[in-house]
């Protein structure tokens, strides 16, 4: 028996964050803690066993840009420099919330510890049921870091970018900043140039040209703005009797490719 790792649907899991401090004012009198430099310093000061370096995963090799998340490297010195640049002085309060009952307690506690030890931040750390996590994150006054993960519904790079980061995906029925965000872009990230590139990609039939537009869009949202902080790509493992079966692979939905499996 041999173990086969399925890397076709490596999904980034990480911490979502809100743009509240930058776009809608700093609640409770906090400093502006949501500028790109701030988010970068938060990302740099955490270790990750198998870190993600992009939002679009490697199973899309023609759209994946290794290292587009320049902050996704453990670098405490750079994190401290960026924290100072962003005005995140020691003692600044940062909220971190995760959903309970799903095995996230240990690693989110490690994130809290490193933010406190490496940057001297005061982390308000809470765990709530998943539904409450989503409700809290959707509120217009929400601010801080939020545990999140994403699994694409369709095998296209755009299914990582559009639902999570497009202005259209905020979905506020009355277009009022005082209304909860009902779409998957709960951080309310909005960048017109990013939206323009995604719209162009949706209308582009040539795959190579379309992937180039996705790369450019990701460079803006993740490389420049760090609208989300990727932590790692999930990997699925399967056991295969390689003495009996050959040419075993997994498709995007993590199912065996029965039409290609052969008997030995």
Protein backbone atom coordinates (compact mmCIF):
# COMPACT_ATOMS: atom_id res chain seq x y z
CA UNK A 1 0.00 0.00 0.00
CA UNK A 2 1.26 3.47 -0.83
CA UNK A 3 0.01 6.84 0.32
CA UNK A 4 -0.79 9.34 -2.41
CA UNK A 5 -1.10 13.06 -1.68
CA UNK A 6 -3.76 14.84 -3.67
CA UNK A 7 -2.56 18.34 -4.43
CA UNK A 8 -5.17 19.13 -7.06
CA UNK A 9 -7.40 20.99 -4.65
CA UNK A 10 -4.98 22.61 -2.27
CA UNK A 11 -7.11 25.18 -0.54
CA UNK A 12 -5.78 28.13 1.39
CA UNK A 13 -6.96 28.41 4.96
CA UNK A 14 -6.25 31.46 6.98
CA UNK A 15 -7.36 34.59 8.72
CA UNK A 16 -9.84 36.86 7.05
CA UNK A 17 -9.69 40.49 8.14
CA UNK A 18 -11.93 43.52 7.90
CA UNK A 19 -11.14 46.80 6.20
CA UNK A 20 -13.10 48.62 8.92
CA UNK A 21 -10.17 50.63 10.27
CA UNK A 22 -9.22 51.95 6.87
CA UNK A 23 -12.57 52.38 5.17
CA UNK A 24 -15.07 53.02 7.94
CA UNK A 25 -13.09 54.55 10.80
CA UNK A 26 -11.28 53.07 13.78
CA UNK A 27 -13.69 51.73 16.40
CA UNK A 28 -12.82 52.26 20.07
CA UNK A 29 -10.24 54.90 19.16
CA UNK A 30 -7.73 52.51 17.69
CA UNK A 31 -4.94 53.51 15.35
CA UNK A 32 -5.40 52.70 11.70
CA UNK A 33 -4.62 49.00 11.93
CA UNK A 34 -5.77 47.80 8.56
CA UNK A 35 -3.42 49.33 6.03
CA UNK A 36 -1.35 47.00 3.84
CA UNK A 37 1.73 47.55 6.01
CA UNK A 38 -0.28 46.58 9.09
CA UNK A 39 -1.58 43.40 7.51
CA UNK A 40 1.89 42.54 6.24
CA UNK A 41 3.45 42.82 9.67
CA UNK A 42 0.76 40.54 11.06
CA UNK A 43 1.47 37.97 8.38
CA UNK A 44 5.27 38.11 8.71
CA UNK A 45 5.30 37.40 12.41
CA UNK A 46 3.67 33.97 12.28
CA UNK A 47 5.22 30.63 11.49
CA UNK A 48 3.27 28.10 9.41
CA UNK A 49 4.23 24.45 8.89
CA UNK A 50 3.22 24.44 5.21
CA UNK A 51 2.73 28.10 4.40
CA UNK A 52 0.70 29.39 1.50
CA UNK A 53 2.35 32.06 -0.59
CA UNK A 54 -0.68 32.97 -2.71
CA UNK A 55 -4.47 32.82 -2.73
CA UNK A 56 -4.76 30.98 -6.06
CA UNK A 57 -3.38 27.52 -5.21
CA UNK A 58 -0.68 25.55 -7.09
CA UNK A 59 -3.22 23.15 -8.59
CA UNK A 60 -3.77 25.94 -11.14
CA UNK A 61 -0.15 26.01 -12.37
CA UNK A 62 -0.84 28.47 -15.18
CA UNK A 63 -2.45 30.98 -12.80
CA UNK A 64 -0.51 30.29 -9.61
CA UNK A 65 2.08 32.96 -8.79
CA UNK A 66 4.59 31.64 -6.24
CA UNK A 67 5.47 34.28 -3.69
CA UNK A 68 2.83 36.82 -4.73
CA UNK A 69 2.09 37.15 -1.00
CA UNK A 70 5.40 38.79 -0.15
CA UNK A 71 4.41 38.99 3.53
CA UNK A 72 3.76 35.25 3.82
CA UNK A 73 7.23 34.54 5.18
CA UNK A 74 8.18 34.31 8.84
CA UNK A 75 10.26 37.42 9.40
CA UNK A 76 9.87 39.02 12.86
CA UNK A 77 12.28 41.86 12.11
CA UNK A 78 10.36 42.88 9.00
CA UNK A 79 7.11 42.49 10.92
CA UNK A 80 8.33 44.90 13.58
CA UNK A 81 9.41 47.41 10.93
CA UNK A 82 6.03 47.25 9.23
CA UNK A 83 4.22 47.51 12.56
CA UNK A 84 6.11 50.68 13.37
CA UNK A 85 5.39 52.04 9.89
CA UNK A 86 1.68 51.34 10.34
CA UNK A 87 1.50 52.86 13.82
CA UNK A 88 0.97 49.53 15.57
CA UNK A 89 2.86 50.34 18.72
CA UNK A 90 3.20 47.78 21.54
CA UNK A 91 -0.04 47.60 23.47
CA UNK A 92 -2.26 48.28 20.44
CA UNK A 93 -5.43 46.19 20.68
CA UNK A 94 -6.19 43.70 17.89
CA UNK A 95 -9.18 41.37 17.86
CA UNK A 96 -8.80 37.72 16.81
CA UNK A 97 -11.89 35.53 16.54
CA UNK A 98 -12.26 31.90 15.47
CA UNK A 99 -15.04 29.32 15.34
CA UNK A 100 -15.09 26.70 18.06
CA UNK A 101 -15.60 22.96 17.76
CA UNK A 102 -13.58 22.52 14.56
CA UNK A 103 -10.02 22.05 15.82
CA UNK A 104 -8.88 25.66 15.41
CA UNK A 105 -8.09 26.36 19.05
CA UNK A 106 -4.45 25.30 19.03
CA UNK A 107 -3.18 27.12 15.95
CA UNK A 108 -5.16 30.30 16.55
CA UNK A 109 -3.78 30.39 20.10
CA UNK A 110 -0.29 30.14 18.56
CA UNK A 111 -1.10 33.09 16.28
CA UNK A 112 -2.22 35.09 19.31
CA UNK A 113 0.97 34.21 21.18
CA UNK A 114 3.25 35.22 18.33
CA UNK A 115 1.46 38.52 17.73
CA UNK A 116 1.88 39.32 21.40
CA UNK A 117 5.46 38.10 21.77
CA UNK A 118 6.85 39.38 18.47
CA UNK A 119 4.98 42.68 18.17
CA UNK A 120 3.79 43.41 21.68
CA UNK A 121 0.18 43.68 20.56
CA UNK A 122 -2.73 43.20 22.93
CA UNK A 123 -4.81 40.46 21.30
CA UNK A 124 -8.45 40.09 22.31
CA UNK A 125 -8.97 36.41 21.53
CA UNK A 126 -12.44 34.84 21.41
CA UNK A 127 -13.98 31.63 20.13
CA UNK A 128 -17.64 31.47 19.10
CA UNK A 129 -19.90 29.06 17.18
CA UNK A 130 -19.41 29.20 13.42
CA UNK A 131 -22.73 30.93 12.71
CA UNK A 132 -21.91 33.61 15.27
CA UNK A 133 -18.47 34.06 13.71
CA UNK A 134 -20.03 34.78 10.32
CA UNK A 135 -22.65 37.09 11.83
CA UNK A 136 -20.02 39.03 13.78
CA UNK A 137 -17.74 39.36 10.77
CA UNK A 138 -20.57 40.68 8.58
CA UNK A 139 -21.34 43.63 10.84
CA UNK A 140 -20.32 47.08 9.57
CA UNK A 141 -18.45 47.89 12.78
CA UNK A 142 -16.46 44.63 12.69
CA UNK A 143 -12.70 44.94 12.93
CA UNK A 144 -9.75 42.64 13.48
CA UNK A 145 -8.64 39.19 12.38
CA UNK A 146 -11.00 36.31 11.64
CA UNK A 147 -10.34 32.64 11.04
CA UNK A 148 -11.52 31.65 7.55
CA UNK A 149 -11.11 28.96 4.91
CA UNK A 150 -12.28 28.66 1.33
CA UNK A 151 -13.10 25.76 -0.96
CA UNK A 152 -13.74 26.63 -4.59
CA UNK A 153 -17.03 25.54 -6.10
CA UNK A 154 -15.67 25.46 -9.65
CA UNK A 155 -12.21 24.53 -10.99
CA UNK A 156 -11.25 28.04 -12.02
CA UNK A 157 -8.83 30.57 -10.45
CA UNK A 158 -11.57 33.17 -10.59
CA UNK A 159 -13.55 31.21 -8.00
CA UNK A 160 -10.93 32.17 -5.43
CA UNK A 161 -10.77 35.84 -6.35
CA UNK A 162 -14.28 36.97 -7.21
CA UNK A 163 -16.33 35.56 -4.29
CA UNK A 164 -13.86 36.63 -1.61
CA UNK A 165 -12.56 39.96 -2.88
CA UNK A 166 -14.74 41.55 -5.57
CA UNK A 167 -16.72 44.64 -4.61
CA UNK A 168 -19.76 42.94 -6.08
CA UNK A 169 -19.35 40.13 -3.54
CA UNK A 170 -19.86 42.38 -0.52
CA UNK A 171 -23.62 42.25 -1.21
CA UNK A 172 -25.17 45.01 0.87
CA UNK A 173 -28.82 45.21 -0.29
CA UNK A 174 -29.22 48.95 0.28
CA UNK A 175 -25.59 49.80 -0.62
CA UNK A 176 -25.30 51.37 2.81
CA UNK A 177 -22.11 51.03 4.89
CA UNK A 178 -24.33 50.64 7.96
CA UNK A 179 -25.82 47.38 6.65
CA UNK A 180 -24.24 43.93 7.25
CA UNK A 181 -22.27 42.43 4.36
CA UNK A 182 -24.22 39.43 3.12
CA UNK A 183 -21.75 38.15 0.52
CA UNK A 184 -18.52 36.21 1.00
CA UNK A 185 -16.47 39.41 0.83
CA UNK A 186 -17.19 40.06 4.49
CA UNK A 187 -14.04 42.14 4.85
CA UNK A 188 -15.55 44.62 2.36
CA UNK A 189 -12.36 44.82 0.35
CA UNK A 190 -12.90 47.06 -2.65
CA UNK A 191 -10.40 48.04 -5.34
CA UNK A 192 -11.68 49.31 -8.71
CA UNK A 193 -8.58 48.15 -10.61
CA UNK A 194 -8.95 44.65 -9.16
CA UNK A 195 -12.63 44.58 -10.12
CA UNK A 196 -11.78 45.76 -13.63
CA UNK A 197 -9.26 42.96 -14.17
CA UNK A 198 -11.73 40.32 -12.95
CA UNK A 199 -14.38 41.66 -15.30
CA UNK A 200 -11.93 41.49 -18.19
CA UNK A 201 -10.97 37.93 -17.24
CA UNK A 202 -14.62 36.86 -17.24
CA UNK A 203 -14.93 38.08 -20.85
CA UNK A 204 -11.65 36.61 -22.09
CA UNK A 205 -11.89 33.30 -23.94
CA UNK A 206 -8.18 32.73 -24.41
CA UNK A 207 -7.04 30.75 -21.36
CA UNK A 208 -3.49 32.11 -21.26
CA UNK A 209 -4.70 35.70 -21.49
CA UNK A 210 -7.36 35.03 -18.86
CA UNK A 211 -4.83 33.55 -16.44
CA UNK A 212 -2.60 36.57 -16.93
CA UNK A 213 -5.49 38.81 -15.87
CA UNK A 214 -6.07 36.65 -12.80
CA UNK A 215 -2.39 36.96 -11.90
CA UNK A 216 -2.49 40.73 -12.23
CA UNK A 217 -5.62 40.90 -10.10
CA UNK A 218 -4.11 38.72 -7.39
CA UNK A 219 -0.97 40.86 -7.39
CA UNK A 220 -3.14 43.85 -6.49
CA UNK A 221 -5.34 42.19 -3.86
CA UNK A 222 -2.76 39.94 -2.21
CA UNK A 223 0.65 41.25 -3.24
CA UNK A 224 -0.08 44.96 -2.74
CA UNK A 225 -3.15 45.24 -0.49
CA UNK A 226 -2.98 41.89 1.35
CA UNK A 227 -6.75 41.86 1.48
CA UNK A 228 -6.61 38.35 2.97
CA UNK A 229 -3.74 36.65 4.79
CA UNK A 230 -3.15 33.16 3.31
CA UNK A 231 -1.78 30.68 5.85
CA UNK A 232 -1.64 27.25 4.25
CA UNK A 233 -2.98 25.04 1.49
CA UNK A 234 -4.96 22.02 2.59
CA UNK A 235 -3.69 18.70 1.30
CA UNK A 236 -5.72 15.53 0.99
CA UNK A 237 -4.09 12.12 1.35
CA UNK A 238 -5.38 8.80 0.01
CA UNK A 239 -4.23 5.21 0.39
CA UNK A 240 -3.85 3.28 -2.86
CA UNK A 241 -2.95 -0.36 -3.38
CA UNK A 242 -0.31 0.30 -6.01
CA UNK A 243 0.35 -3.41 -6.39
CA UNK A 244 -3.14 -3.85 -7.79
CA UNK A 245 -4.05 -0.48 -9.34
CA UNK A 246 -2.21 1.95 -11.56
CA UNK A 247 -2.68 5.49 -12.89
CA UNK A 248 -4.71 6.55 -9.84
CA UNK A 249 -5.33 10.28 -9.56
CA UNK A 250 -7.82 12.58 -7.86
CA UNK A 251 -10.00 15.09 -9.66
CA UNK A 252 -10.87 18.60 -8.51
CA UNK A 253 -13.71 17.28 -6.36
CA UNK A 254 -11.26 14.93 -4.59
CA UNK A 255 -12.79 11.85 -6.21
CA UNK A 256 -10.70 9.10 -7.87
CA UNK A 257 -10.44 9.36 -11.65
CA UNK A 258 -12.13 6.02 -12.29
CA UNK A 259 -11.94 6.43 -16.07
CA UNK A 260 -8.14 6.37 -15.95
CA UNK A 261 -7.48 3.72 -13.26
CA UNK A 262 -5.95 0.51 -14.55
CA UNK A 263 -5.63 -2.99 -13.11
CA UNK A 264 -2.17 -4.49 -12.92
